[in-house]
Amino acid sequence: MTTALLSMSLWLGAGAQAAEAKLAVAPFEADSLAQIVRTHAGKPFVLILWSLDCVYCQASLNALAEQKRSHPALEIVTLSTDGVGDPQTDALVEQRLRKLALTTNAWGFGAAPPEQLRYAIDPKWHGEMPRSYWFDAQGRRTPHSGVLTPATIDQLTAKSAL
């Protein structure tokens, strides 16, 4: 009986671990931005575009995560330009977001060509990162290229009434 109980405990623990380890990073396609905006209708939010190999992106994600801890109402949508579908890359993206507690509203570039996805986000954006878009409650957005610092975040959140 003890062996059966131990086996059951290990099985349940493994199942819980697997469920906890699974993070849904949604594939971002050409029509996904409209979906994100609809989901946040009437609520301000920030969309941060980042990449695993972008040091400045990590600094921006760190600053946003810190701001989120201070202001839990801050809605953050992350979009990795690394893409989804490769198990190794997916694991690295998920690991990075978990460390920062930014696992809600996580997206990664999908199957469409990156140029098409960048254009769908903003025809004036040429791929420089980090890039963020600060949406107000009416869905108007303010783009920002460059590292997000606490001062920059304060300025952009005030402008967008986040």
C-alpha atoms as a PDB file:
ATOM      1  CA  MET A   1       0.000   0.000   0.000  1.00  0.00           C
ATOM      2  CA  THR A   2       2.842   2.397   0.780  1.00  0.00           C
ATOM      3  CA  THR A   3       4.402   1.736  -2.628  1.00  0.00           C
ATOM      4  CA  ALA A   4       1.077   2.378  -4.359  1.00  0.00           C
ATOM      5  CA  LEU A   5       0.587   5.589  -2.394  1.00  0.00           C
ATOM      6  CA  LEU A   6       4.113   6.731  -3.207  1.00  0.00           C
ATOM      7  CA  SER A   7       3.601   5.935  -6.896  1.00  0.00           C
ATOM      8  CA  MET A   8       0.310   7.836  -6.911  1.00  0.00           C
ATOM      9  CA  SER A   9       1.960  10.833  -5.220  1.00  0.00           C
ATOM     10  CA  LEU A  10       4.819  10.850  -7.721  1.00  0.00           C
ATOM     11  CA  TRP A  11       2.383  10.539 -10.641  1.00  0.00           C
ATOM     12  CA  LEU A  12       0.196  13.393  -9.355  1.00  0.00           C
ATOM     13  CA  GLY A  13       3.257  15.525  -8.644  1.00  0.00           C
ATOM     14  CA  ALA A  14       4.611  14.921 -12.132  1.00  0.00           C
ATOM     15  CA  GLY A  15       1.248  15.841 -13.626  1.00  0.00           C
ATOM     16  CA  ALA A  16       1.103  19.068 -11.638  1.00  0.00           C
ATOM     17  CA  GLN A  17       4.677  19.885 -12.633  1.00  0.00           C
ATOM     18  CA  ALA A  18       3.913  19.255 -16.292  1.00  0.00           C
ATOM     19  CA  ALA A  19       0.829  21.468 -16.121  1.00  0.00           C
ATOM     20  CA  GLU A  20       2.825  24.201 -14.377  1.00  0.00           C
ATOM     21  CA  ALA A  21       5.660  23.873 -16.889  1.00  0.00           C
ATOM     22  CA  LYS A  22       3.305  24.318 -19.847  1.00  0.00           C
ATOM     23  CA  LEU A  23       3.077  27.939 -20.909  1.00  0.00           C
ATOM     24  CA  ALA A  24       0.982  28.837 -23.884  1.00  0.00           C
ATOM     25  CA  VAL A  25       2.906  31.265 -26.059  1.00  0.00           C
ATOM     26  CA  ALA A  26       0.362  32.009 -28.737  1.00  0.00           C
ATOM     27  CA  PRO A  27       1.511  32.245 -32.341  1.00  0.00           C
ATOM     28  CA  PHE A  28       1.263  35.832 -33.576  1.00  0.00           C
ATOM     29  CA  GLU A  29      -0.048  36.070 -37.121  1.00  0.00           C
ATOM     30  CA  ALA A  30      -0.985  39.011 -39.350  1.00  0.00           C
ATOM     31  CA  ASP A  31      -4.417  39.407 -37.723  1.00  0.00           C
ATOM     32  CA  SER A  32      -3.303  38.850 -34.116  1.00  0.00           C
ATOM     33  CA  LEU A  33      -2.807  42.501 -33.217  1.00  0.00           C
ATOM     34  CA  ALA A  34      -6.501  43.181 -33.865  1.00  0.00           C
ATOM     35  CA  GLN A  35      -7.319  40.253 -31.566  1.00  0.00           C
ATOM     36  CA  ILE A  36      -5.050  41.613 -28.818  1.00  0.00           C
ATOM     37  CA  VAL A  37      -6.597  45.083 -29.109  1.00  0.00           C
ATOM     38  CA  ARG A  38     -10.131  43.594 -28.975  1.00  0.00           C
ATOM     39  CA  THR A  39      -9.211  41.566 -25.893  1.00  0.00           C
ATOM     40  CA  HIS A  40      -8.045  44.736 -24.139  1.00  0.00           C
ATOM     41  CA  ALA A  41     -10.903  46.941 -25.371  1.00  0.00           C
ATOM     42  CA  GLY A  42     -11.451  49.834 -22.994  1.00  0.00           C
ATOM     43  CA  LYS A  43      -8.278  49.047 -21.034  1.00  0.00           C
ATOM     44  CA  PRO A  44      -4.834  50.542 -21.553  1.00  0.00           C
ATOM     45  CA  PHE A  45      -1.938  48.139 -22.083  1.00  0.00           C
ATOM     46  CA  VAL A  46       1.609  47.928 -23.363  1.00  0.00           C
ATOM     47  CA  LEU A  47       2.805  45.609 -26.132  1.00  0.00           C
ATOM     48  CA  ILE A  48       6.534  44.893 -25.844  1.00  0.00           C
ATOM     49  CA  LEU A  49       8.385  43.312 -28.759  1.00  0.00           C
ATOM     50  CA  TRP A  50      11.568  41.527 -27.798  1.00  0.00           C
ATOM     51  CA  SER A  51      14.022  38.847 -28.790  1.00  0.00           C
ATOM     52  CA  LEU A  52      16.121  36.340 -26.881  1.00  0.00           C
ATOM     53  CA  ASP A  53      19.382  37.710 -28.286  1.00  0.00           C
ATOM     54  CA  CYS A  54      18.571  41.382 -27.605  1.00  0.00           C
ATOM     55  CA  VAL A  55      20.337  42.575 -24.433  1.00  0.00           C
ATOM     56  CA  TYR A  56      18.404  45.844 -24.474  1.00  0.00           C
ATOM     57  CA  CYS A  57      15.146  43.906 -24.712  1.00  0.00           C
ATOM     58  CA  GLN A  58      16.047  42.061 -21.510  1.00  0.00           C
ATOM     59  CA  ALA A  59      16.653  45.371 -19.750  1.00  0.00           C
ATOM     60  CA  SER A  60      13.246  46.597 -20.935  1.00  0.00           C
ATOM     61  CA  LEU A  61      11.512  43.388 -19.837  1.00  0.00           C
ATOM     62  CA  ASN A  62      13.204  43.677 -16.427  1.00  0.00           C
ATOM     63  CA  ALA A  63      12.012  47.270 -16.049  1.00  0.00           C
ATOM     64  CA  LEU A  64       8.461  46.335 -17.063  1.00  0.00           C
ATOM     65  CA  ALA A  65       8.412  43.374 -14.664  1.00  0.00           C
ATOM     66  CA  GLU A  66       9.566  45.635 -11.830  1.00  0.00           C
ATOM     67  CA  GLN A  67       6.898  48.194 -12.726  1.00  0.00           C
ATOM     68  CA  LYS A  68       4.289  45.410 -12.794  1.00  0.00           C
ATOM     69  CA  ARG A  69       5.243  44.403  -9.253  1.00  0.00           C
ATOM     70  CA  SER A  70       4.697  48.000  -8.113  1.00  0.00           C
ATOM     71  CA  HIS A  71       1.568  48.530 -10.233  1.00  0.00           C
ATOM     72  CA  PRO A  72      -0.294  45.204 -10.640  1.00  0.00           C
ATOM     73  CA  ALA A  73      -2.929  46.836 -12.860  1.00  0.00           C
ATOM     74  CA  LEU A  74      -0.312  47.400 -15.585  1.00  0.00           C
ATOM     75  CA  GLU A  75      -1.339  45.174 -18.497  1.00  0.00           C
ATOM     76  CA  ILE A  76       1.691  43.840 -20.377  1.00  0.00           C
ATOM     77  CA  VAL A  77       1.522  41.847 -23.602  1.00  0.00           C
ATOM     78  CA  THR A  78       4.837  40.291 -24.636  1.00  0.00           C
ATOM     79  CA  LEU A  79       5.653  39.426 -28.234  1.00  0.00           C
ATOM     80  CA  SER A  80       8.828  37.514 -28.963  1.00  0.00           C
ATOM     81  CA  THR A  81      10.113  37.980 -32.489  1.00  0.00           C
ATOM     82  CA  ASP A  82      11.986  34.678 -32.165  1.00  0.00           C
ATOM     83  CA  GLY A  83       8.929  32.770 -33.303  1.00  0.00           C
ATOM     84  CA  VAL A  84       7.093  29.765 -31.979  1.00  0.00           C
ATOM     85  CA  GLY A  85       7.310  26.160 -33.017  1.00  0.00           C
ATOM     86  CA  ASP A  86      10.925  25.266 -32.305  1.00  0.00           C
ATOM     87  CA  PRO A  87      10.960  23.365 -28.982  1.00  0.00           C
ATOM     88  CA  GLN A  88      14.338  24.770 -27.900  1.00  0.00           C
ATOM     89  CA  THR A  89      13.415  28.368 -28.663  1.00  0.00           C
ATOM     90  CA  ASP A  90       9.973  27.951 -27.104  1.00  0.00           C
ATOM     91  CA  ALA A  91      11.584  26.639 -23.919  1.00  0.00           C
ATOM     92  CA  LEU A  92      13.989  29.594 -23.741  1.00  0.00           C
ATOM     93  CA  VAL A  93      11.201  32.126 -24.319  1.00  0.00           C
ATOM     94  CA  GLU A  94       9.048  30.482 -21.660  1.00  0.00           C
ATOM     95  CA  GLN A  95      11.943  30.326 -19.199  1.00  0.00           C
ATOM     96  CA  ARG A  96      12.711  34.028 -19.663  1.00  0.00           C
ATOM     97  CA  LEU A  97       9.063  35.051 -19.205  1.00  0.00           C
ATOM     98  CA  ARG A  98       8.598  32.814 -16.147  1.00  0.00           C
ATOM     99  CA  LYS A  99      11.595  34.379 -14.389  1.00  0.00           C
ATOM    100  CA  LEU A 100       9.981  37.780 -14.837  1.00  0.00           C
ATOM    101  CA  ALA A 101       6.414  36.660 -14.038  1.00  0.00           C
ATOM    102  CA  LEU A 102       5.310  37.883 -17.470  1.00  0.00           C
ATOM    103  CA  THR A 103       3.647  34.693 -18.625  1.00  0.00           C
ATOM    104  CA  THR A 104       0.167  36.153 -19.150  1.00  0.00           C
ATOM    105  CA  ASN A 105      -0.520  37.455 -22.658  1.00  0.00           C
ATOM    106  CA  ALA A 106       2.606  35.900 -24.173  1.00  0.00           C
ATOM    107  CA  TRP A 107       2.958  35.723 -27.941  1.00  0.00           C
ATOM    108  CA  GLY A 108       5.682  34.739 -30.391  1.00  0.00           C
ATOM    109  CA  PHE A 109       6.006  35.335 -34.121  1.00  0.00           C
ATOM    110  CA  GLY A 110       4.062  32.641 -35.973  1.00  0.00           C
ATOM    111  CA  ALA A 111       4.402  31.026 -39.370  1.00  0.00           C
ATOM    112  CA  ALA A 112       4.114  34.137 -41.542  1.00  0.00           C
ATOM    113  CA  PRO A 113       7.335  35.797 -42.698  1.00  0.00           C
ATOM    114  CA  PRO A 114       8.746  38.169 -40.030  1.00  0.00           C
ATOM    115  CA  GLU A 115       8.578  41.115 -42.451  1.00  0.00           C
ATOM    116  CA  GLN A 116       4.850  40.549 -42.908  1.00  0.00           C
ATOM    117  CA  LEU A 117       4.300  40.354 -39.149  1.00  0.00           C
ATOM    118  CA  ARG A 118       6.327  43.510 -38.503  1.00  0.00           C
ATOM    119  CA  TYR A 119       4.292  45.310 -41.167  1.00  0.00           C
ATOM    120  CA  ALA A 120       1.031  44.068 -39.607  1.00  0.00           C
ATOM    121  CA  ILE A 121       2.116  45.608 -36.305  1.00  0.00           C
ATOM    122  CA  ASP A 122       3.324  48.885 -37.751  1.00  0.00           C
ATOM    123  CA  PRO A 123       4.171  49.676 -41.389  1.00  0.00           C
ATOM    124  CA  LYS A 124       6.663  52.294 -40.121  1.00  0.00           C
ATOM    125  CA  TRP A 125       8.532  49.818 -37.916  1.00  0.00           C
ATOM    126  CA  HIS A 126      11.667  48.349 -39.477  1.00  0.00           C
ATOM    127  CA  GLY A 127      12.517  45.779 -36.813  1.00  0.00           C
ATOM    128  CA  GLU A 128      14.604  47.783 -34.332  1.00  0.00           C
ATOM    129  CA  MET A 129      14.280  46.516 -30.782  1.00  0.00           C
ATOM    130  CA  PRO A 130      13.257  46.825 -28.147  1.00  0.00           C
ATOM    131  CA  ARG A 131      10.040  48.257 -29.495  1.00  0.00           C
ATOM    132  CA  SER A 132       6.922  48.934 -27.475  1.00  0.00           C
ATOM    133  CA  TYR A 133       3.461  50.249 -28.159  1.00  0.00           C
ATOM    134  CA  TRP A 134       1.518  51.964 -25.400  1.00  0.00           C
ATOM    135  CA  PHE A 135      -2.217  51.643 -25.992  1.00  0.00           C
ATOM    136  CA  ASP A 136      -4.710  53.887 -24.241  1.00  0.00           C
ATOM    137  CA  ALA A 137      -8.262  52.839 -23.327  1.00  0.00           C
ATOM    138  CA  GLN A 138      -9.520  54.020 -26.732  1.00  0.00           C
ATOM    139  CA  GLY A 139      -7.017  51.818 -28.593  1.00  0.00           C
ATOM    140  CA  ARG A 140      -4.765  54.685 -29.701  1.00  0.00           C
ATOM    141  CA  ARG A 141      -1.125  53.803 -29.483  1.00  0.00           C
ATOM    142  CA  THR A 142       2.159  55.527 -28.878  1.00  0.00           C
ATOM    143  CA  PRO A 143       5.204  53.713 -30.303  1.00  0.00           C
ATOM    144  CA  HIS A 144       8.533  53.725 -28.515  1.00  0.00           C
ATOM    145  CA  SER A 145      11.868  52.421 -29.786  1.00  0.00           C
ATOM    146  CA  GLY A 146      14.673  51.871 -27.341  1.00  0.00           C
ATOM    147  CA  VAL A 147      15.305  50.662 -23.822  1.00  0.00           C
ATOM    148  CA  LEU A 148      12.523  51.135 -21.308  1.00  0.00           C
ATOM    149  CA  THR A 149      13.742  52.669 -18.082  1.00  0.00           C
ATOM    150  CA  PRO A 150      11.577  53.383 -15.032  1.00  0.00           C
ATOM    151  CA  ALA A 151      11.447  57.069 -16.058  1.00  0.00           C
ATOM    152  CA  THR A 152      10.440  56.190 -19.634  1.00  0.00           C
ATOM    153  CA  ILE A 153       7.774  53.801 -18.378  1.00  0.00           C
ATOM    154  CA  ASP A 154       6.380  56.478 -16.058  1.00  0.00           C
ATOM    155  CA  GLN A 155       6.265  58.961 -18.930  1.00  0.00           C
ATOM    156  CA  LEU A 156       4.603  56.536 -21.349  1.00  0.00           C
ATOM    157  CA  THR A 157       2.112  55.196 -18.805  1.00  0.00           C
ATOM    158  CA  ALA A 158       1.071  58.749 -17.928  1.00  0.00           C
ATOM    159  CA  LYS A 159       0.617  59.537 -21.608  1.00  0.00           C
ATOM    160  CA  SER A 160      -1.443  56.379 -22.167  1.00  0.00           C
ATOM    161  CA  ALA A 161      -3.169  56.558 -18.774  1.00  0.00           C
ATOM    162  CA  LEU A 162      -2.030  53.025 -17.917  1.00  0.00           C
END
